[in-house]
Protein backbone atom coordinates (compact mmCIF):
# COMPACT_ATOMS: atom_id res chain seq x y z
CA UNK A 1 0.17 0.09 0.04
CA UNK A 2 0.97 3.65 -0.61
CA UNK A 3 2.92 5.32 2.38
CA UNK A 4 1.44 8.56 1.61
CA UNK A 5 -2.26 7.26 2.24
CA UNK A 6 -1.88 8.82 5.86
CA UNK A 7 -2.00 12.03 4.16
CA UNK A 8 -5.19 11.16 2.19
CA UNK A 9 -8.18 12.90 2.98
CA UNK A 10 -11.38 11.21 1.88
CA UNK A 11 -14.82 12.59 1.86
CA UNK A 12 -17.54 9.66 1.70
CA UNK A 13 -20.89 11.14 0.39
CA UNK A 14 -23.66 8.59 0.93
CA UNK A 15 -27.19 8.64 2.58
CA UNK A 16 -26.95 4.69 3.70
CA UNK A 17 -25.59 5.32 7.27
CA UNK A 18 -24.72 1.60 7.23
CA UNK A 19 -22.61 1.85 4.30
CA UNK A 20 -20.97 5.26 5.22
CA UNK A 21 -19.94 3.58 8.58
CA UNK A 22 -18.67 0.39 6.91
CA UNK A 23 -16.43 2.30 4.27
CA UNK A 24 -15.40 4.83 6.79
CA UNK A 25 -13.87 1.84 8.86
CA UNK A 26 -12.17 0.25 5.91
CA UNK A 27 -10.77 3.63 5.00
CA UNK A 28 -9.65 4.26 8.43
CA UNK A 29 -7.98 0.85 8.52
CA UNK A 30 -5.86 1.92 5.39
CA UNK A 31 -4.63 4.94 7.10
CA UNK A 32 -7.28 7.84 5.48
CA UNK A 33 -8.60 10.64 7.04
CA UNK A 34 -12.24 10.08 6.75
CA UNK A 35 -15.11 12.94 6.42
CA UNK A 36 -18.42 11.89 5.66
CA UNK A 37 -21.79 13.71 4.31
CA UNK A 38 -25.08 12.16 3.99
CA UNK A 39 -26.10 14.18 0.76
CA UNK A 40 -24.84 16.47 -1.58
CA UNK A 41 -25.60 19.75 -0.28
CA UNK A 42 -23.88 18.78 2.99
CA UNK A 43 -20.58 17.98 1.23
CA UNK A 44 -20.82 21.21 -0.72
CA UNK A 45 -21.20 23.32 2.70
CA UNK A 46 -18.26 21.31 4.08
CA UNK A 47 -16.10 22.09 1.17
CA UNK A 48 -17.21 25.54 0.88
CA UNK A 49 -16.18 25.90 4.69
CA UNK A 50 -12.55 24.87 3.68
CA UNK A 51 -12.46 21.00 3.58
CA UNK A 52 -10.21 20.15 0.63
CA UNK A 53 -10.19 16.22 0.48
CA UNK A 54 -7.90 14.48 -1.94
CA UNK A 55 -10.63 12.02 -2.64
CA UNK A 56 -14.47 12.39 -3.08
CA UNK A 57 -16.16 9.11 -2.97
CA UNK A 58 -19.90 9.78 -4.22
CA UNK A 59 -23.21 7.80 -4.41
CA UNK A 60 -25.45 8.69 -7.13
CA UNK A 61 -29.02 7.79 -5.69
CA UNK A 62 -29.54 10.48 -2.87
CA UNK A 63 -32.07 12.78 -1.61
CA UNK A 64 -32.11 16.23 -3.15
CA UNK A 65 -29.06 16.63 -5.10
CA UNK A 66 -28.43 13.38 -6.59
CA UNK A 67 -24.60 12.21 -7.19
CA UNK A 68 -24.31 13.37 -10.90
CA UNK A 69 -25.36 16.98 -9.85
CA UNK A 70 -22.61 16.62 -7.00
CA UNK A 71 -19.89 15.71 -9.24
CA UNK A 72 -20.70 18.42 -11.58
CA UNK A 73 -20.64 20.88 -8.58
CA UNK A 74 -17.45 19.33 -7.34
CA UNK A 75 -15.68 20.04 -10.83
CA UNK A 76 -16.41 23.72 -10.63
CA UNK A 77 -14.71 24.38 -7.15
CA UNK A 78 -11.07 25.57 -8.05
CA UNK A 79 -9.94 24.23 -4.73
CA UNK A 80 -10.78 20.62 -5.77
CA UNK A 81 -8.90 20.68 -9.25
CA UNK A 82 -6.33 18.05 -7.84
CA UNK A 83 -9.13 15.86 -5.97
CA UNK A 84 -10.14 12.43 -7.17
CA UNK A 85 -13.79 12.12 -7.64
CA UNK A 86 -14.98 8.62 -7.82
CA UNK A 87 -18.39 7.58 -8.09
CA UNK A 88 -19.56 4.33 -5.94
CA UNK A 89 -23.08 3.46 -6.91
CA UNK A 90 -25.25 0.60 -7.39
CA UNK A 91 -26.34 2.15 -10.70
CA UNK A 92 -24.28 -0.07 -13.06
CA UNK A 93 -25.72 0.40 -16.51
CA UNK A 94 -23.20 1.59 -19.08
CA UNK A 95 -25.30 4.59 -19.47
CA UNK A 96 -24.86 5.66 -16.06
CA UNK A 97 -21.02 4.85 -16.08
CA UNK A 98 -20.50 6.71 -19.19
CA UNK A 99 -22.40 10.06 -17.62
CA UNK A 100 -20.36 9.92 -14.50
CA UNK A 101 -17.24 9.70 -16.16
CA UNK A 102 -18.30 12.67 -18.85
CA UNK A 103 -19.23 14.79 -15.96
CA UNK A 104 -15.59 14.61 -14.95
CA UNK A 105 -15.51 11.68 -12.51
CA UNK A 106 -12.18 10.12 -12.24
CA UNK A 107 -13.34 6.43 -11.78
CA UNK A 108 -16.72 4.58 -11.22
CA UNK A 109 -16.94 1.67 -8.82
CA UNK A 110 -20.22 -0.45 -8.58
CA UNK A 111 -20.99 -1.15 -4.98
CA UNK A 112 -22.54 -4.54 -5.78
CA UNK A 113 -19.27 -5.94 -7.64
CA UNK A 114 -16.86 -4.90 -5.01
CA UNK A 115 -16.29 -5.98 -1.50
CA UNK A 116 -15.53 -2.62 0.73
CA UNK A 117 -11.85 -4.00 1.00
CA UNK A 118 -11.64 -4.08 -3.07
CA UNK A 119 -13.30 -0.45 -2.84
CA UNK A 120 -10.32 0.61 -0.88
CA UNK A 121 -7.80 -1.02 -3.40
CA UNK A 122 -9.46 0.44 -6.38
CA UNK A 123 -9.72 3.77 -5.07
CA UNK A 124 -6.13 3.68 -4.20
CA UNK A 125 -5.42 2.69 -8.04
CA UNK A 126 -7.26 5.80 -9.17
CA UNK A 127 -5.45 7.75 -6.87
CA UNK A 128 -2.22 6.61 -7.85
CA UNK A 129 -2.98 6.79 -11.42
CA UNK A 130 -4.03 10.37 -10.66
CA UNK A 131 -0.80 11.01 -8.67
CA UNK A 132 -2.79 13.28 -6.15
């Protein structure tokens, strides 16, 4: 694993408390500093108040602002120009994947096809490829 992961701050945005807790534990075990938001509005509020994560892990289906809208908003924030934005969703249709990547996401992981440990591994691969 990358020694620099201790410096990686991840923002997990998902409305499912069980999943947030599960992924928080996995990323903490991998020496990430974890911040969480239960929806897009809260995530943007934290970022506008000065949070600059290295990675944003974004669900698509959320109340209010969906993940696609959140990705588009995150891409507008100059402070996040070096942040890896990764969609983590149960929506696995090619149209959804394409839309997420077209909006500027650096990666797309389908929840149902990856264990939490595999999610951490895939996030690290995306981050290492982006060289943040």
